[in-house]
C-alpha cells in the first residue's frame, strides 16, 4: 500500500531560508534536513500535508499532494485509511517499470509474441497434416467400398447368369 500523510490543516507555502529554497532543503542549527516536496507543484510535504509517496522508490522527491492527484478529502481519507482500498501510487519513473512500459519490457513482449507465433504455426501445421490424413483415409475407405460394391455386383451378375443359363 501507498505511504501517506494526512491532516486537516492547509498546506504551508514554501519559504526561503538562508539562501536555500525550503522546498528542497531546510537549514536548522548547522545541519541540513531534506524536506519532502510534491513532485508536481513543489509544495513542501510535512506531517500535516495530505500526500502520497511512491511506494516503489520511497524517496523524498517522490511525494505527490492530494490536490495534484485531484483527490477529494473524502476519497483521500478513504484511500489512506481503508484496508480494502488497495490504493497504489508510483512516480513517473517507477510507473514505467512497474507497469512494464519501458524498452526492455517491449523486447520481452516481442520475444514472447514471437514464441507464441511459432507455437501457433506448429499447431496449425499439425492440424493441416491431421486433416490431410483423415481425408486420405476417407477417400481410401470410399475407394475400398466402391471396389467391394463392384466386385459384389460382378459376383451377383455371374451367379445370376449361371442360374438362368
Protein backbone atom coordinates (compact mmCIF):
# COMPACT_ATOMS: atom_id res chain seq x y z
CA UNK A 1 0.00 0.00 0.00
CA UNK A 2 0.98 3.57 -0.52
CA UNK A 3 2.59 5.60 2.26
CA UNK A 4 0.53 8.68 3.05
CA UNK A 5 0.40 11.72 5.27
CA UNK A 6 -2.96 13.09 6.30
CA UNK A 7 -4.18 16.17 8.10
CA UNK A 8 -6.99 18.67 8.12
CA UNK A 9 -4.64 21.66 8.03
CA UNK A 10 -3.95 23.53 4.75
CA UNK A 11 -0.53 23.09 3.14
CA UNK A 12 2.09 25.70 4.07
CA UNK A 13 3.69 27.66 1.25
CA UNK A 14 7.46 27.12 0.77
CA UNK A 15 9.74 29.74 2.27
CA UNK A 16 13.33 30.61 1.53
CA UNK A 17 15.74 30.08 4.45
CA UNK A 18 19.43 31.08 4.38
CA UNK A 19 19.62 31.10 0.60
CA UNK A 20 18.17 27.56 0.30
CA UNK A 21 14.68 27.05 -1.00
CA UNK A 22 12.75 25.27 1.74
CA UNK A 23 11.03 23.11 -0.80
CA UNK A 24 14.41 21.47 -1.37
CA UNK A 25 16.24 21.73 1.97
CA UNK A 26 15.73 23.24 5.39
CA UNK A 27 18.65 24.55 7.43
CA UNK A 28 18.40 24.12 11.18
CA UNK A 29 21.25 24.87 13.58
CA UNK A 30 24.16 23.70 11.43
CA UNK A 31 22.58 20.58 9.92
CA UNK A 32 20.67 20.09 6.69
CA UNK A 33 17.41 18.16 6.77
CA UNK A 34 15.89 17.05 3.49
CA UNK A 35 12.24 18.07 3.23
CA UNK A 36 9.78 16.12 1.15
CA UNK A 37 8.15 18.03 -1.70
CA UNK A 38 5.30 17.40 -4.10
CA UNK A 39 6.88 16.32 -7.38
CA UNK A 40 4.14 18.12 -9.32
CA UNK A 41 3.68 21.52 -7.67
CA UNK A 42 6.81 21.80 -5.48
CA UNK A 43 4.91 22.34 -2.22
CA UNK A 44 6.57 21.14 0.98
CA UNK A 45 5.17 17.93 2.35
CA UNK A 46 5.10 17.75 6.11
CA UNK A 47 3.19 15.75 8.70
CA UNK A 48 0.15 17.98 8.20
CA UNK A 49 0.03 17.53 4.41
CA UNK A 50 -2.32 15.25 2.52
CA UNK A 51 0.06 13.47 0.20
CA UNK A 52 1.18 10.05 -1.00
CA UNK A 53 4.67 8.73 -1.59
CA UNK A 54 5.81 6.48 -4.41
CA UNK A 55 5.67 3.05 -2.89
CA UNK A 56 8.50 1.71 -5.04
CA UNK A 57 11.41 4.14 -4.74
CA UNK A 58 10.32 5.79 -1.44
CA UNK A 59 12.40 8.98 -1.73
CA UNK A 60 11.63 12.50 -0.52
CA UNK A 61 11.38 13.65 -4.13
CA UNK A 62 8.58 11.23 -4.94
CA UNK A 63 5.64 12.58 -2.98
CA UNK A 64 2.52 13.96 -4.62
CA UNK A 65 -0.09 16.01 -2.81
CA UNK A 66 -3.76 15.02 -2.91
CA UNK A 67 -4.57 18.28 -4.72
CA UNK A 68 -2.21 17.44 -7.61
CA UNK A 69 -3.76 13.96 -7.79
CA UNK A 70 -7.24 15.55 -7.92
CA UNK A 71 -8.29 13.57 -4.85
CA UNK A 72 -11.14 14.93 -2.77
CA UNK A 73 -10.65 14.94 1.01
CA UNK A 74 -13.19 12.12 1.32
CA UNK A 75 -11.52 9.96 -1.33
CA UNK A 76 -8.03 10.65 0.05
CA UNK A 77 -9.17 9.70 3.56
CA UNK A 78 -10.74 6.50 2.20
CA UNK A 79 -7.55 5.52 0.34
CA UNK A 80 -5.24 6.04 3.31
CA UNK A 81 -7.46 4.52 5.99
CA UNK A 82 -9.36 1.67 4.35
CA UNK A 83 -7.72 -1.74 4.24
CA UNK A 84 -9.96 -2.58 1.26
CA UNK A 85 -8.99 0.43 -0.87
CA UNK A 86 -5.76 -1.15 -2.17
CA UNK A 87 -4.55 2.25 -3.45
CA UNK A 88 -1.13 2.33 -5.16
CA UNK A 89 0.75 5.36 -6.45
CA UNK A 90 4.06 5.37 -8.32
CA UNK A 91 6.15 8.27 -9.56
CA UNK A 92 6.51 8.54 -13.35
CA UNK A 93 9.85 6.71 -13.43
CA UNK A 94 8.64 3.82 -11.29
CA UNK A 95 5.28 3.61 -13.07
CA UNK A 96 7.07 2.83 -16.33
CA UNK A 97 8.98 0.00 -14.66
CA UNK A 98 6.08 -1.34 -12.58
CA UNK A 99 3.66 -1.38 -15.49
CA UNK A 100 6.32 -2.80 -17.81
CA UNK A 101 6.17 0.04 -20.32
CA UNK A 102 9.92 0.51 -20.77
CA UNK A 103 12.01 -0.51 -23.78
CA UNK A 104 13.30 -3.61 -22.02
CA UNK A 105 9.77 -4.91 -21.50
CA UNK A 106 8.92 -4.21 -25.14
CA UNK A 107 11.75 -6.52 -26.22
CA UNK A 108 10.48 -9.16 -23.81
CA UNK A 109 6.94 -8.81 -25.13
CA UNK A 110 8.14 -9.10 -28.72
CA UNK A 111 10.09 -12.24 -27.85
CA UNK A 112 7.03 -13.73 -26.15
CA UNK A 113 4.81 -12.83 -29.13
CA UNK A 114 7.31 -14.42 -31.49
CA UNK A 115 7.32 -17.58 -29.36
CA UNK A 116 3.51 -17.68 -29.40
CA UNK A 117 3.54 -17.17 -33.17
CA UNK A 118 5.92 -20.10 -33.66
CA UNK A 119 3.81 -22.33 -31.42
CA UNK A 120 0.59 -21.43 -33.23
CA UNK A 121 2.28 -22.12 -36.58
CA UNK A 122 3.29 -25.53 -35.27
CA UNK A 123 -0.25 -26.28 -34.08
CA UNK A 124 -1.66 -25.07 -37.40
CA UNK A 125 0.68 -27.37 -39.35
CA UNK A 126 -0.24 -30.31 -37.09
CA UNK A 127 -3.96 -29.65 -37.74
CA UNK A 128 -3.40 -29.40 -41.52
CA UNK A 129 -1.45 -32.67 -41.52
CA UNK A 130 -4.10 -34.40 -39.40
CA UNK A 131 -6.90 -33.21 -41.69
CA UNK A 132 -4.99 -34.41 -44.77
CA UNK A 133 -4.59 -37.85 -43.15
CA UNK A 134 -8.30 -38.02 -42.32
CA UNK A 135 -9.22 -37.05 -45.91
CA UNK A 136 -6.82 -39.68 -47.29
CA UNK A 137 -8.31 -42.42 -45.09
CA UNK A 138 -11.84 -41.35 -46.03
CA UNK A 139 -11.03 -41.47 -49.76
CA UNK A 140 -9.34 -44.85 -49.31
CA UNK A 141 -12.37 -46.24 -47.49
CA UNK A 142 -14.71 -44.87 -50.19
CA UNK A 143 -12.47 -46.42 -52.86
CA UNK A 144 -12.50 -49.71 -50.97
CA UNK A 145 -16.30 -49.54 -50.72
CA UNK A 146 -16.55 -48.91 -54.46
CA UNK A 147 -14.28 -51.87 -55.18
CA UNK A 148 -16.23 -54.15 -52.86
CA UNK A 149 -19.54 -52.97 -54.35
CA UNK A 150 -18.29 -53.55 -57.91
CA UNK A 151 -16.94 -56.96 -57.01
CA UNK A 152 -20.26 -57.85 -55.37
CA UNK A 153 -22.21 -56.73 -58.45
CA UNK A 154 -19.97 -58.87 -60.67
CA UNK A 155 -20.46 -61.91 -58.44
CA UNK A 156 -24.22 -61.35 -58.37
CA UNK A 157 -24.30 -60.97 -62.13
CA UNK A 158 -22.15 -64.06 -62.61
CA UNK A 159 -24.32 -66.03 -60.21
CA UNK A 160 -27.48 -64.80 -61.92
CA UNK A 161 -26.11 -65.79 -65.34
CA UNK A 162 -25.33 -69.29 -64.13
CA UNK A 163 -28.80 -69.72 -62.66
CA UNK A 164 -30.60 -68.59 -65.83
CA UNK A 165 -28.33 -70.42 -68.23
